[in-house]
Amino acid sequence: MKKYTNTGSKDTRSGFGAGMTELGQTNENVVALCADLIGSLKFDDFKKNHPERFFQIGIAEANMIGIAAGLTIGGKIPFTGTFANFSTGRVYDQIRQSVAYSEKNVKICASHAGLTLGEDGATHQILEDIGLMKMLPGMTVINTCDYNQTKAATLALADHHGPAYLRFGRPVVPNFMPADEPFVIGKAILLSEGTDVTIVATGHLVWEALIAAEALEAKGISAEVINIHTIKPLDEEAILKSLAKTKCIVTAEEHNILGGLGESVSRVLALNTPAPQEFVAVNDSFGESGTPEQLMEKYKLNNQAIVEAVERVIKRK
């Protein structure tokens, strides 16, 4: 197995911006819509180079979703961009009716997701968005781990037909996935092999899972780490194949424990091979103001929390 190393920290939203810049050059059907957050969503280059395909909607997110749905009728591939809280909670009805129910080819792209939004506080730190979006029939849900993977996911979505939700973040985080790593929607990536426990992680928790695996190795525990970048459709085969070896699993995500990756994995276990599972997630609460590092530590969303969850779940085998 290749060893994944941090090649330099970058923000995942810049990976989205880089993907949009490339799509602007390679796919004339791609259009971008923004709700007054061009800089935050890194739309600057796309707007500069393709002004005829960029639409500044203003602080009118519901209108943005409706316009995007309409643009698909003419064969355009709209990518909408705003904060995750505004991309989902504020406009859920419009997404459900105009995009999901109508099976429109809209890509809902959401930055500033989770606790790592930081100092803006609980009102902006949506922790329910994965659950909201994965419940919609036909909706693809992707949660990327670093700059390179976010760029790759953005490019992949342009070729994927159907409604999709792409979730990424605000802060700089380790960039460790190779730039040439294939991004296949619905296919997990095995990062390290192990025999004692399976750790499936998504988003910012993937890097923390790799750090945890090293700490566990020092304790004599062999951890298999899987990067689940696609929450829906979930790569059940990868999870079950790993679980056949390890017999127990830990899920790790920057999301509410209710409705996220952990619950999706629990369903796979219940229907196929029940096994002990521990959750690293926000325990049914809102966030609060603080730095990303402070919040991830307080809400137990770091490598130490993953190590502790592994030690608990192994005792239950």
C-alpha atoms as a PDB file:
ATOM      1  CA  MET A   1       0.000   0.000   0.000  1.00  0.00           C
ATOM      2  CA  LYS A   2       1.183   3.527  -0.748  1.00  0.00           C
ATOM      3  CA  LYS A   3       1.847   5.791   2.206  1.00  0.00           C
ATOM      4  CA  TYR A   4      -0.170   8.978   2.124  1.00  0.00           C
ATOM      5  CA  THR A   5       1.719  12.098   3.198  1.00  0.00           C
ATOM      6  CA  ASN A   6       0.740  15.722   3.574  1.00  0.00           C
ATOM      7  CA  THR A   7       2.158  17.592   0.581  1.00  0.00           C
ATOM      8  CA  GLY A   8       1.086  20.987   1.955  1.00  0.00           C
ATOM      9  CA  SER A   9      -2.108  22.205   3.555  1.00  0.00           C
ATOM     10  CA  LYS A  10      -4.776  23.783   1.362  1.00  0.00           C
ATOM     11  CA  ASP A  11      -8.470  24.564   1.720  1.00  0.00           C
ATOM     12  CA  THR A  12     -10.868  22.194  -0.003  1.00  0.00           C
ATOM     13  CA  ARG A  13     -12.940  25.069  -1.392  1.00  0.00           C
ATOM     14  CA  SER A  14      -9.920  26.090  -3.462  1.00  0.00           C
ATOM     15  CA  GLY A  15      -9.968  22.594  -4.916  1.00  0.00           C
ATOM     16  CA  PHE A  16     -13.524  23.271  -6.009  1.00  0.00           C
ATOM     17  CA  GLY A  17     -12.449  26.567  -7.539  1.00  0.00           C
ATOM     18  CA  ALA A  18      -9.635  24.862  -9.439  1.00  0.00           C
ATOM     19  CA  GLY A  19     -12.081  22.267 -10.724  1.00  0.00           C
ATOM     20  CA  MET A  20     -14.476  24.943 -11.912  1.00  0.00           C
ATOM     21  CA  THR A  21     -11.648  26.796 -13.662  1.00  0.00           C
ATOM     22  CA  GLU A  22     -10.771  23.636 -15.572  1.00  0.00           C
ATOM     23  CA  LEU A  23     -14.388  22.846 -16.417  1.00  0.00           C
ATOM     24  CA  GLY A  24     -14.795  26.362 -17.750  1.00  0.00           C
ATOM     25  CA  GLN A  25     -12.078  25.595 -20.266  1.00  0.00           C
ATOM     26  CA  THR A  26     -13.112  22.048 -21.174  1.00  0.00           C
ATOM     27  CA  ASN A  27     -16.915  21.888 -20.983  1.00  0.00           C
ATOM     28  CA  GLU A  28     -18.919  24.687 -22.585  1.00  0.00           C
ATOM     29  CA  ASN A  29     -22.157  23.404 -21.048  1.00  0.00           C
ATOM     30  CA  VAL A  30     -20.962  24.031 -17.495  1.00  0.00           C
ATOM     31  CA  VAL A  31     -22.449  27.164 -15.943  1.00  0.00           C
ATOM     32  CA  ALA A  32     -21.939  28.584 -12.455  1.00  0.00           C
ATOM     33  CA  LEU A  33     -24.411  30.271 -10.126  1.00  0.00           C
ATOM     34  CA  CYS A  34     -23.438  31.988  -6.896  1.00  0.00           C
ATOM     35  CA  ALA A  35     -25.384  33.492  -4.002  1.00  0.00           C
ATOM     36  CA  ASP A  36     -23.185  36.542  -3.368  1.00  0.00           C
ATOM     37  CA  LEU A  37     -20.137  34.567  -2.196  1.00  0.00           C
ATOM     38  CA  ILE A  38     -17.815  34.572  -5.196  1.00  0.00           C
ATOM     39  CA  GLY A  39     -14.599  34.826  -3.186  1.00  0.00           C
ATOM     40  CA  SER A  40     -15.638  32.327  -0.542  1.00  0.00           C
ATOM     41  CA  LEU A  41     -16.544  29.722  -3.183  1.00  0.00           C
ATOM     42  CA  LYS A  42     -13.455  30.507  -5.309  1.00  0.00           C
ATOM     43  CA  PHE A  43     -15.520  31.346  -8.390  1.00  0.00           C
ATOM     44  CA  ASP A  44     -13.233  34.265  -9.302  1.00  0.00           C
ATOM     45  CA  ASP A  45     -11.416  32.660 -12.224  1.00  0.00           C
ATOM     46  CA  PHE A  46     -14.557  31.143 -13.698  1.00  0.00           C
ATOM     47  CA  LYS A  47     -16.332  34.490 -13.556  1.00  0.00           C
ATOM     48  CA  LYS A  48     -13.367  36.336 -15.079  1.00  0.00           C
ATOM     49  CA  ASN A  49     -12.835  33.896 -17.951  1.00  0.00           C
ATOM     50  CA  HIS A  50     -16.448  32.959 -18.698  1.00  0.00           C
ATOM     51  CA  PRO A  51     -18.687  35.875 -17.699  1.00  0.00           C
ATOM     52  CA  GLU A  52     -21.413  34.722 -20.093  1.00  0.00           C
ATOM     53  CA  ARG A  53     -21.671  31.461 -18.143  1.00  0.00           C
ATOM     54  CA  PHE A  54     -21.562  32.955 -14.656  1.00  0.00           C
ATOM     55  CA  PHE A  55     -24.701  34.141 -12.847  1.00  0.00           C
ATOM     56  CA  GLN A  56     -24.548  36.231  -9.681  1.00  0.00           C
ATOM     57  CA  ILE A  57     -27.935  35.591  -8.092  1.00  0.00           C
ATOM     58  CA  GLY A  58     -27.368  37.522  -4.893  1.00  0.00           C
ATOM     59  CA  ILE A  59     -28.674  36.548  -1.469  1.00  0.00           C
ATOM     60  CA  ALA A  60     -31.568  34.611  -2.972  1.00  0.00           C
ATOM     61  CA  GLU A  61     -30.632  30.957  -2.614  1.00  0.00           C
ATOM     62  CA  ALA A  62     -34.080  29.547  -3.372  1.00  0.00           C
ATOM     63  CA  ASN A  63     -34.157  31.542  -6.587  1.00  0.00           C
ATOM     64  CA  MET A  64     -30.686  30.222  -7.437  1.00  0.00           C
ATOM     65  CA  ILE A  65     -31.875  26.602  -7.199  1.00  0.00           C
ATOM     66  CA  GLY A  66     -34.910  27.353  -9.362  1.00  0.00           C
ATOM     67  CA  ILE A  67     -32.805  29.049 -12.028  1.00  0.00           C
ATOM     68  CA  ALA A  68     -30.334  26.150 -11.992  1.00  0.00           C
ATOM     69  CA  ALA A  69     -33.140  23.640 -12.492  1.00  0.00           C
ATOM     70  CA  GLY A  70     -34.399  25.680 -15.441  1.00  0.00           C
ATOM     71  CA  LEU A  71     -30.971  25.873 -17.051  1.00  0.00           C
ATOM     72  CA  THR A  72     -30.775  22.079 -17.238  1.00  0.00           C
ATOM     73  CA  ILE A  73     -33.741  22.033 -19.628  1.00  0.00           C
ATOM     74  CA  GLY A  74     -31.548  23.670 -22.262  1.00  0.00           C
ATOM     75  CA  GLY A  75     -28.756  21.157 -21.730  1.00  0.00           C
ATOM     76  CA  LYS A  76     -26.628  23.240 -19.382  1.00  0.00           C
ATOM     77  CA  ILE A  77     -24.834  21.707 -16.385  1.00  0.00           C
ATOM     78  CA  PRO A  78     -25.318  24.181 -13.516  1.00  0.00           C
ATOM     79  CA  PHE A  79     -23.039  24.233 -10.474  1.00  0.00           C
ATOM     80  CA  THR A  80     -24.544  26.283  -7.644  1.00  0.00           C
ATOM     81  CA  GLY A  81     -22.350  27.640  -4.872  1.00  0.00           C
ATOM     82  CA  THR A  82     -22.904  28.989  -1.385  1.00  0.00           C
ATOM     83  CA  PHE A  83     -22.304  27.952   2.235  1.00  0.00           C
ATOM     84  CA  ALA A  84     -23.544  24.461   3.160  1.00  0.00           C
ATOM     85  CA  ASN A  85     -26.132  25.870   5.551  1.00  0.00           C
ATOM     86  CA  PHE A  86     -27.664  27.974   2.785  1.00  0.00           C
ATOM     87  CA  SER A  87     -27.161  25.281   0.135  1.00  0.00           C
ATOM     88  CA  THR A  88     -29.371  22.779   1.959  1.00  0.00           C
ATOM     89  CA  GLY A  89     -31.355  23.885   5.005  1.00  0.00           C
ATOM     90  CA  ARG A  90     -32.468  27.227   3.604  1.00  0.00           C
ATOM     91  CA  VAL A  91     -33.557  25.831   0.230  1.00  0.00           C
ATOM     92  CA  TYR A  92     -34.597  22.268   1.005  1.00  0.00           C
ATOM     93  CA  ASP A  93     -38.056  22.619  -0.502  1.00  0.00           C
ATOM     94  CA  GLN A  94     -36.677  23.959  -3.781  1.00  0.00           C
ATOM     95  CA  ILE A  95     -34.102  21.162  -3.965  1.00  0.00           C
ATOM     96  CA  ARG A  96     -36.708  18.513  -3.215  1.00  0.00           C
ATOM     97  CA  GLN A  97     -39.303  19.741  -5.680  1.00  0.00           C
ATOM     98  CA  SER A  98     -37.346  21.372  -8.506  1.00  0.00           C
ATOM     99  CA  VAL A  99     -34.191  19.252  -8.518  1.00  0.00           C
ATOM    100  CA  ALA A 100     -34.607  15.834  -6.887  1.00  0.00           C
ATOM    101  CA  TYR A 101     -38.265  15.116  -7.703  1.00  0.00           C
ATOM    102  CA  SER A 102     -37.796  16.532 -11.193  1.00  0.00           C
ATOM    103  CA  GLU A 103     -34.504  14.632 -11.674  1.00  0.00           C
ATOM    104  CA  LYS A 104     -32.667  17.730 -12.846  1.00  0.00           C
ATOM    105  CA  ASN A 105     -28.934  17.631 -13.558  1.00  0.00           C
ATOM    106  CA  VAL A 106     -28.011  20.241 -10.937  1.00  0.00           C
ATOM    107  CA  LYS A 107     -24.767  20.127  -8.936  1.00  0.00           C
ATOM    108  CA  ILE A 108     -25.327  21.687  -5.508  1.00  0.00           C
ATOM    109  CA  CYS A 109     -21.875  22.681  -4.238  1.00  0.00           C
ATOM    110  CA  ALA A 110     -21.528  23.613  -0.600  1.00  0.00           C
ATOM    111  CA  SER A 111     -18.591  25.207   1.179  1.00  0.00           C
ATOM    112  CA  HIS A 112     -18.064  26.026   4.876  1.00  0.00           C
ATOM    113  CA  ALA A 113     -19.645  22.750   6.034  1.00  0.00           C
ATOM    114  CA  GLY A 114     -19.448  21.373   9.561  1.00  0.00           C
ATOM    115  CA  LEU A 115     -17.785  22.616  12.712  1.00  0.00           C
ATOM    116  CA  THR A 116     -14.637  23.719  10.896  1.00  0.00           C
ATOM    117  CA  LEU A 117     -16.517  26.756   9.638  1.00  0.00           C
ATOM    118  CA  GLY A 118     -15.215  27.958  12.991  1.00  0.00           C
ATOM    119  CA  GLU A 119     -15.853  31.351  14.499  1.00  0.00           C
ATOM    120  CA  ASP A 120     -19.125  32.036  12.633  1.00  0.00           C
ATOM    121  CA  GLY A 121     -20.800  29.758  15.155  1.00  0.00           C
ATOM    122  CA  ALA A 122     -23.713  27.344  15.412  1.00  0.00           C
ATOM    123  CA  THR A 123     -26.116  29.170  13.094  1.00  0.00           C
ATOM    124  CA  HIS A 124     -23.751  28.648  10.163  1.00  0.00           C
ATOM    125  CA  GLN A 125     -22.191  25.291  11.130  1.00  0.00           C
ATOM    126  CA  ILE A 126     -24.686  22.942   9.574  1.00  0.00           C
ATOM    127  CA  LEU A 127     -24.202  19.392  10.829  1.00  0.00           C
ATOM    128  CA  GLU A 128     -27.359  17.909   9.323  1.00  0.00           C
ATOM    129  CA  ASP A 129     -26.770  18.462   5.620  1.00  0.00           C
ATOM    130  CA  ILE A 130     -25.567  14.975   4.676  1.00  0.00           C
ATOM    131  CA  GLY A 131     -28.695  13.520   6.247  1.00  0.00           C
ATOM    132  CA  LEU A 132     -30.948  16.018   4.519  1.00  0.00           C
ATOM    133  CA  MET A 133     -29.472  15.344   1.113  1.00  0.00           C
ATOM    134  CA  LYS A 134     -29.030  11.585   1.260  1.00  0.00           C
ATOM    135  CA  MET A 135     -32.735  11.153   2.054  1.00  0.00           C
ATOM    136  CA  LEU A 136     -33.711  12.653  -1.289  1.00  0.00           C
ATOM    137  CA  PRO A 137     -34.363   9.948  -3.892  1.00  0.00           C
ATOM    138  CA  GLY A 138     -31.793   9.961  -6.679  1.00  0.00           C
ATOM    139  CA  MET A 139     -29.466  12.444  -4.983  1.00  0.00           C
ATOM    140  CA  THR A 140     -25.743  11.645  -5.105  1.00  0.00           C
ATOM    141  CA  VAL A 141     -23.898  12.863  -1.976  1.00  0.00           C
ATOM    142  CA  ILE A 142     -20.130  13.473  -1.978  1.00  0.00           C
ATOM    143  CA  ASN A 143     -17.984  14.675   0.937  1.00  0.00           C
ATOM    144  CA  THR A 144     -14.339  15.209  -0.002  1.00  0.00           C
ATOM    145  CA  CYS A 145     -11.247  15.046   2.198  1.00  0.00           C
ATOM    146  CA  ASP A 146      -8.698  17.456   0.699  1.00  0.00           C
ATOM    147  CA  TYR A 147      -7.882  19.894  -2.113  1.00  0.00           C
ATOM    148  CA  ASN A 148      -6.951  17.293  -4.708  1.00  0.00           C
ATOM    149  CA  GLN A 149      -9.993  15.137  -4.073  1.00  0.00           C
ATOM    150  CA  THR A 150     -12.346  18.116  -4.159  1.00  0.00           C
ATOM    151  CA  LYS A 151     -10.986  19.160  -7.537  1.00  0.00           C
ATOM    152  CA  ALA A 152     -11.308  15.595  -8.844  1.00  0.00           C
ATOM    153  CA  ALA A 153     -14.872  15.311  -7.557  1.00  0.00           C
ATOM    154  CA  THR A 154     -15.850  18.596  -9.206  1.00  0.00           C
ATOM    155  CA  LEU A 155     -14.560  17.355 -12.550  1.00  0.00           C
ATOM    156  CA  ALA A 156     -16.282  13.989 -12.128  1.00  0.00           C
ATOM    157  CA  LEU A 157     -19.648  15.577 -11.389  1.00  0.00           C
ATOM    158  CA  ALA A 158     -19.696  17.329 -14.759  1.00  0.00           C
ATOM    159  CA  ASP A 159     -19.734  13.901 -16.412  1.00  0.00           C
ATOM    160  CA  HIS A 160     -22.237  12.430 -13.969  1.00  0.00           C
ATOM    161  CA  HIS A 161     -25.870  12.858 -14.984  1.00  0.00           C
ATOM    162  CA  GLY A 162     -28.328  13.551 -12.197  1.00  0.00           C
ATOM    163  CA  PRO A 163     -28.747  15.695  -9.088  1.00  0.00           C
ATOM    164  CA  ALA A 164     -25.730  15.776  -6.777  1.00  0.00           C
ATOM    165  CA  TYR A 165     -24.545  17.398  -3.565  1.00  0.00           C
ATOM    166  CA  LEU A 166     -20.830  18.191  -3.151  1.00  0.00           C
ATOM    167  CA  ARG A 167     -19.733  19.119   0.380  1.00  0.00           C
ATOM    168  CA  PHE A 168     -16.396  20.722   1.265  1.00  0.00           C
ATOM    169  CA  GLY A 169     -14.928  23.085   3.826  1.00  0.00           C
ATOM    170  CA  ARG A 170     -13.445  26.420   4.782  1.00  0.00           C
ATOM    171  CA  PRO A 171     -10.101  25.852   6.564  1.00  0.00           C
ATOM    172  CA  VAL A 172      -6.763  24.723   5.221  1.00  0.00           C
ATOM    173  CA  VAL A 173      -6.279  20.990   5.808  1.00  0.00           C
ATOM    174  CA  PRO A 174      -3.596  18.472   4.817  1.00  0.00           C
ATOM    175  CA  ASN A 175      -3.513  17.753   1.085  1.00  0.00           C
ATOM    176  CA  PHE A 176      -2.544  14.087   0.884  1.00  0.00           C
ATOM    177  CA  MET A 177      -4.505  12.382  -1.895  1.00  0.00           C
ATOM    178  CA  PRO A 178      -2.403  12.127  -5.086  1.00  0.00           C
ATOM    179  CA  ALA A 179      -3.478  14.539  -7.808  1.00  0.00           C
ATOM    180  CA  ASP A 180      -3.760  11.617 -10.221  1.00  0.00           C
ATOM    181  CA  GLU A 181      -5.861   9.432  -7.877  1.00  0.00           C
ATOM    182  CA  PRO A 182      -8.918   8.297  -9.881  1.00  0.00           C
ATOM    183  CA  PHE A 183     -12.185   9.674  -8.537  1.00  0.00           C
ATOM    184  CA  VAL A 184     -14.993   7.221  -9.160  1.00  0.00           C
ATOM    185  CA  ILE A 185     -18.354   8.238  -7.736  1.00  0.00           C
ATOM    186  CA  GLY A 186     -19.611   5.519  -5.418  1.00  0.00           C
ATOM    187  CA  LYS A 187     -16.246   3.740  -5.049  1.00  0.00           C
ATOM    188  CA  ALA A 188     -14.367   3.993  -1.751  1.00  0.00           C
ATOM    189  CA  ILE A 189     -10.573   4.215  -1.605  1.00  0.00           C
ATOM    190  CA  LEU A 190      -8.593   1.822   0.576  1.00  0.00           C
ATOM    191  CA  LEU A 191      -5.838   3.917   2.181  1.00  0.00           C
ATOM    192  CA  SER A 192      -4.184   1.352   4.448  1.00  0.00           C
ATOM    193  CA  GLU A 193      -4.689  -2.343   5.078  1.00  0.00           C
ATOM    194  CA  GLY A 194      -5.304  -3.825   8.509  1.00  0.00           C
ATOM    195  CA  THR A 195      -6.688  -6.858  10.283  1.00  0.00           C
ATOM    196  CA  ASP A 196      -7.999  -5.750  13.693  1.00  0.00           C
ATOM    197  CA  VAL A 197     -10.465  -2.930  12.949  1.00  0.00           C
ATOM    198  CA  THR A 198     -11.987  -1.075  10.006  1.00  0.00           C
ATOM    199  CA  ILE A 199     -12.028   2.725  10.129  1.00  0.00           C
ATOM    200  CA  VAL A 200     -14.260   4.328   7.517  1.00  0.00           C
ATOM    201  CA  ALA A 201     -13.920   8.091   7.426  1.00  0.00           C
ATOM    202  CA  THR A 202     -15.172  10.940   5.294  1.00  0.00           C
ATOM    203  CA  GLY A 203     -14.204  14.575   4.746  1.00  0.00           C
ATOM    204  CA  HIS A 204     -11.790  16.175   7.182  1.00  0.00           C
ATOM    205  CA  LEU A 205     -11.769  13.032   9.339  1.00  0.00           C
ATOM    206  CA  VAL A 206      -9.948  10.958   6.703  1.00  0.00           C
ATOM    207  CA  TRP A 207      -6.560  12.492   7.530  1.00  0.00           C
ATOM    208  CA  GLU A 208      -7.311  12.133  11.241  1.00  0.00           C
ATOM    209  CA  ALA A 209      -8.052   8.453  10.621  1.00  0.00           C
ATOM    210  CA  LEU A 210      -4.648   7.974   9.012  1.00  0.00           C
ATOM    211  CA  ILE A 211      -2.936   9.604  11.991  1.00  0.00           C
ATOM    212  CA  ALA A 212      -4.999   7.403  14.317  1.00  0.00           C
ATOM    213  CA  ALA A 213      -3.942   4.292  12.392  1.00  0.00           C
ATOM    214  CA  GLU A 214      -0.275   5.127  13.000  1.00  0.00           C
ATOM    215  CA  ALA A 215      -0.921   5.635  16.710  1.00  0.00           C
ATOM    216  CA  LEU A 216      -2.814   2.348  16.853  1.00  0.00           C
ATOM    217  CA  GLU A 217       0.017   0.536  15.089  1.00  0.00           C
ATOM    218  CA  ALA A 218       2.329   1.675  17.865  1.00  0.00           C
ATOM    219  CA  LYS A 219      -0.102   0.026  20.296  1.00  0.00           C
ATOM    220  CA  GLY A 220      -0.068  -3.228  18.332  1.00  0.00           C
ATOM    221  CA  ILE A 221      -3.479  -2.668  16.688  1.00  0.00           C
ATOM    222  CA  SER A 222      -3.730  -3.108  12.915  1.00  0.00           C
ATOM    223  CA  ALA A 223      -6.269  -0.669  11.455  1.00  0.00           C
ATOM    224  CA  GLU A 224      -7.679  -0.714   7.945  1.00  0.00           C
ATOM    225  CA  VAL A 225      -8.550   2.821   6.785  1.00  0.00           C
ATOM    226  CA  ILE A 226     -11.095   3.502   4.043  1.00  0.00           C
ATOM    227  CA  ASN A 227     -11.821   6.906   2.503  1.00  0.00           C
ATOM    228  CA  ILE A 228     -15.575   7.124   1.946  1.00  0.00           C
ATOM    229  CA  HIS A 229     -15.876  10.167  -0.293  1.00  0.00           C
ATOM    230  CA  THR A 230     -19.297   9.171  -1.622  1.00  0.00           C
ATOM    231  CA  ILE A 231     -21.938   8.848   1.090  1.00  0.00           C
ATOM    232  CA  LYS A 232     -24.602   7.975  -1.453  1.00  0.00           C
ATOM    233  CA  PRO A 233     -24.375   5.651  -3.291  1.00  0.00           C
ATOM    234  CA  LEU A 234     -22.343   3.990  -0.549  1.00  0.00           C
ATOM    235  CA  ASP A 235     -19.673   1.455  -1.478  1.00  0.00           C
ATOM    236  CA  GLU A 236     -21.171  -1.414   0.503  1.00  0.00           C
ATOM    237  CA  GLU A 237     -18.868  -3.971  -1.116  1.00  0.00           C
ATOM    238  CA  ALA A 238     -15.736  -2.226   0.188  1.00  0.00           C
ATOM    239  CA  ILE A 239     -17.156  -2.004   3.703  1.00  0.00           C
ATOM    240  CA  LEU A 240     -18.251  -5.642   3.844  1.00  0.00           C
ATOM    241  CA  LYS A 241     -14.991  -6.915   2.355  1.00  0.00           C
ATOM    242  CA  SER A 242     -13.017  -5.105   5.044  1.00  0.00           C
ATOM    243  CA  LEU A 243     -15.376  -6.148   7.818  1.00  0.00           C
ATOM    244  CA  ALA A 244     -14.995  -9.803   6.833  1.00  0.00           C
ATOM    245  CA  LYS A 245     -11.371  -9.474   7.990  1.00  0.00           C
ATOM    246  CA  THR A 246     -11.629  -7.148  10.964  1.00  0.00           C
ATOM    247  CA  LYS A 247     -15.042  -8.015  12.489  1.00  0.00           C
ATOM    248  CA  CYS A 248     -15.566  -4.493  13.876  1.00  0.00           C
ATOM    249  CA  ILE A 249     -15.805  -0.941  12.555  1.00  0.00           C
ATOM    250  CA  VAL A 250     -15.456   2.735  13.507  1.00  0.00           C
ATOM    251  CA  THR A 251     -17.079   5.492  11.453  1.00  0.00           C
ATOM    252  CA  ALA A 252     -15.697   9.035  11.562  1.00  0.00           C
ATOM    253  CA  GLU A 253     -17.345  12.173  10.200  1.00  0.00           C
ATOM    254  CA  GLU A 254     -17.721  15.914  10.790  1.00  0.00           C
ATOM    255  CA  HIS A 255     -21.501  15.660  11.016  1.00  0.00           C
ATOM    256  CA  ASN A 256     -24.290  14.912  13.435  1.00  0.00           C
ATOM    257  CA  ILE A 257     -24.249  11.309  14.625  1.00  0.00           C
ATOM    258  CA  LEU A 258     -27.848  11.189  13.414  1.00  0.00           C
ATOM    259  CA  GLY A 259     -28.303  10.917   9.660  1.00  0.00           C
ATOM    260  CA  GLY A 260     -24.706  10.790   8.500  1.00  0.00           C
ATOM    261  CA  LEU A 261     -22.187   8.237   7.285  1.00  0.00           C
ATOM    262  CA  GLY A 262     -22.348   6.233  10.507  1.00  0.00           C
ATOM    263  CA  GLU A 263     -26.040   5.509  10.169  1.00  0.00           C
ATOM    264  CA  SER A 264     -25.620   4.531   6.513  1.00  0.00           C
ATOM    265  CA  VAL A 265     -22.931   2.053   7.528  1.00  0.00           C
ATOM    266  CA  SER A 266     -25.126   0.712  10.341  1.00  0.00           C
ATOM    267  CA  ARG A 267     -27.794  -0.120   7.795  1.00  0.00           C
ATOM    268  CA  VAL A 268     -25.260  -2.083   5.728  1.00  0.00           C
ATOM    269  CA  LEU A 269     -24.219  -4.032   8.811  1.00  0.00           C
ATOM    270  CA  ALA A 270     -27.791  -4.724   9.910  1.00  0.00           C
ATOM    271  CA  LEU A 271     -28.779  -6.094   6.500  1.00  0.00           C
ATOM    272  CA  ASN A 272     -25.639  -8.134   5.890  1.00  0.00           C
ATOM    273  CA  THR A 273     -23.332  -8.896   8.798  1.00  0.00           C
ATOM    274  CA  PRO A 274     -24.086  -7.340  12.192  1.00  0.00           C
ATOM    275  CA  ALA A 275     -20.870  -6.317  13.943  1.00  0.00           C
ATOM    276  CA  PRO A 276     -19.742  -3.941  16.702  1.00  0.00           C
ATOM    277  CA  GLN A 277     -19.614  -0.314  15.575  1.00  0.00           C
ATOM    278  CA  GLU A 278     -18.485   2.892  17.260  1.00  0.00           C
ATOM    279  CA  PHE A 279     -19.227   6.415  16.041  1.00  0.00           C
ATOM    280  CA  VAL A 280     -16.953   9.455  15.907  1.00  0.00           C
ATOM    281  CA  ALA A 281     -19.385  12.282  15.183  1.00  0.00           C
ATOM    282  CA  VAL A 282     -21.120  15.238  16.829  1.00  0.00           C
ATOM    283  CA  ASN A 283     -23.422  13.763  19.452  1.00  0.00           C
ATOM    284  CA  ASP A 284     -26.807  15.294  18.580  1.00  0.00           C
ATOM    285  CA  SER A 285     -25.959  18.921  19.286  1.00  0.00           C
ATOM    286  CA  PHE A 286     -25.348  22.217  17.571  1.00  0.00           C
ATOM    287  CA  GLY A 287     -21.854  23.691  17.364  1.00  0.00           C
ATOM    288  CA  GLU A 288     -20.534  26.946  18.793  1.00  0.00           C
ATOM    289  CA  SER A 289     -18.023  29.660  18.004  1.00  0.00           C
ATOM    290  CA  GLY A 290     -14.346  28.780  18.156  1.00  0.00           C
ATOM    291  CA  THR A 291     -11.367  27.941  16.014  1.00  0.00           C
ATOM    292  CA  PRO A 292     -11.654  24.763  13.944  1.00  0.00           C
ATOM    293  CA  GLU A 293      -8.974  23.111  16.099  1.00  0.00           C
ATOM    294  CA  GLN A 294     -10.747  24.004  19.346  1.00  0.00           C
ATOM    295  CA  LEU A 295     -14.074  22.738  18.085  1.00  0.00           C
ATOM    296  CA  MET A 296     -12.749  19.477  16.656  1.00  0.00           C
ATOM    297  CA  GLU A 297     -11.103  18.748  20.006  1.00  0.00           C
ATOM    298  CA  LYS A 298     -14.097  19.712  22.133  1.00  0.00           C
ATOM    299  CA  TYR A 299     -16.561  17.706  20.034  1.00  0.00           C
ATOM    300  CA  LYS A 300     -14.151  14.758  19.822  1.00  0.00           C
ATOM    301  CA  LEU A 301     -13.625  14.759  16.063  1.00  0.00           C
ATOM    302  CA  ASN A 302      -9.879  14.146  15.943  1.00  0.00           C
ATOM    303  CA  ASN A 303      -7.377  11.316  15.749  1.00  0.00           C
ATOM    304  CA  GLN A 304      -7.366  10.785  19.509  1.00  0.00           C
ATOM    305  CA  ALA A 305     -11.140  10.318  19.486  1.00  0.00           C
ATOM    306  CA  ILE A 306     -10.760   7.751  16.708  1.00  0.00           C
ATOM    307  CA  VAL A 307      -8.115   5.856  18.696  1.00  0.00           C
ATOM    308  CA  GLU A 308     -10.405   5.764  21.725  1.00  0.00           C
ATOM    309  CA  ALA A 309     -13.335   4.578  19.598  1.00  0.00           C
ATOM    310  CA  VAL A 310     -11.175   1.784  18.155  1.00  0.00           C
ATOM    311  CA  GLU A 311     -10.139   0.646  21.627  1.00  0.00           C
ATOM    312  CA  ARG A 312     -13.795   0.530  22.661  1.00  0.00           C
ATOM    313  CA  VAL A 313     -15.018  -1.354  19.614  1.00  0.00           C
ATOM    314  CA  ILE A 314     -12.281  -4.004  19.752  1.00  0.00           C
ATOM    315  CA  LYS A 315     -13.351  -4.877  23.296  1.00  0.00           C
ATOM    316  CA  ARG A 316     -16.845  -5.603  21.910  1.00  0.00           C
ATOM    317  CA  LYS A 317     -15.698  -8.172  19.345  1.00  0.00           C
END
